[in-house]
Amino acid sequence: MDTVTFPGGVKLGVRRRLLGIPLAQLARDAALQPELLRRLEAGEFDPRSLHRLARRVLSRTLDTTLD
């Protein structure tokens, strides 16, 4: 991928890695498939379109917003 479509997703991946949270664990906690979370962190998926539980878990766990 040459460009990042949703930079907010990339921010989530950076934050997750800084906190040392494994992708599989965060995906499980947010009720997401790991591949979807990987795509979100690559900026290929709009984090605002996630279901409410996933948005809440991601924003609380990573202490950030999904914009």
Protein backbone atom coordinates (compact mmCIF):
# COMPACT_ATOMS: atom_id res chain seq x y z
CA MET A 1 0.00 0.00 0.00
CA ASP A 2 1.47 3.35 -1.05
CA THR A 3 -0.77 5.68 0.94
CA VAL A 4 -2.51 5.50 4.26
CA THR A 5 -6.23 5.99 3.86
CA PHE A 6 -7.12 6.28 7.56
CA PRO A 7 -4.23 7.75 9.62
CA GLY A 8 -6.26 7.34 12.83
CA GLY A 9 -5.83 3.59 12.51
CA VAL A 10 -2.06 3.89 12.23
CA LYS A 11 -2.05 5.88 15.47
CA LEU A 12 -3.75 2.94 17.20
CA GLY A 13 -1.06 0.52 16.07
CA VAL A 14 1.74 2.79 17.24
CA ARG A 15 0.06 3.24 20.61
CA ARG A 16 -0.56 -0.51 21.02
CA ARG A 17 3.09 -1.32 20.33
CA LEU A 18 4.30 1.40 22.71
CA LEU A 19 2.14 -0.13 25.45
CA GLY A 20 3.42 -3.63 24.65
CA ILE A 21 -0.03 -5.09 23.99
CA PRO A 22 -0.04 -8.06 21.60
CA LEU A 23 -2.26 -7.61 18.54
CA ALA A 24 -4.04 -10.93 19.16
CA GLN A 25 -4.87 -9.96 22.74
CA LEU A 26 -6.26 -6.56 21.80
CA ALA A 27 -8.27 -8.06 18.94
CA ARG A 28 -9.76 -10.63 21.31
CA ASP A 29 -10.60 -7.99 23.93
CA ALA A 30 -12.26 -5.81 21.28
CA ALA A 31 -14.14 -8.76 19.73
CA LEU A 32 -12.35 -8.25 16.40
CA GLN A 33 -10.60 -10.64 14.06
CA PRO A 34 -6.81 -10.11 14.30
CA GLU A 35 -6.65 -9.55 10.52
CA LEU A 36 -9.17 -6.71 10.78
CA LEU A 37 -7.16 -5.08 13.56
CA ARG A 38 -3.99 -5.48 11.47
CA ARG A 39 -5.71 -3.78 8.51
CA LEU A 40 -6.99 -1.03 10.79
CA GLU A 41 -3.48 -0.39 12.13
CA ALA A 42 -2.15 -0.28 8.55
CA GLY A 43 -4.58 2.52 7.77
CA GLU A 44 -6.63 0.36 5.40
CA PHE A 45 -9.81 0.39 7.51
CA ASP A 46 -11.68 3.32 9.05
CA PRO A 47 -11.69 2.88 12.86
CA ARG A 48 -14.87 4.95 13.10
CA SER A 49 -16.82 2.18 11.36
CA LEU A 50 -16.12 -0.41 14.09
CA HIS A 51 -18.90 -1.64 16.33
CA ARG A 52 -19.44 0.23 19.59
CA LEU A 53 -17.76 -2.37 21.85
CA ALA A 54 -14.62 -2.40 19.70
CA ARG A 55 -14.39 1.39 19.66
CA ARG A 56 -14.85 1.56 23.43
CA VAL A 57 -12.26 -1.16 24.15
CA LEU A 58 -9.70 0.33 21.77
CA SER A 59 -10.09 3.88 23.03
CA ARG A 60 -9.96 2.86 26.70
CA THR A 61 -7.16 0.33 26.39
CA LEU A 62 -5.01 2.59 24.23
CA ASP A 63 -6.10 5.80 26.01
CA THR A 64 -6.83 7.58 22.74
CA THR A 65 -9.66 8.64 20.46
CA LEU A 66 -10.72 7.03 17.20
CA ASP A 67 -10.82 10.02 14.90
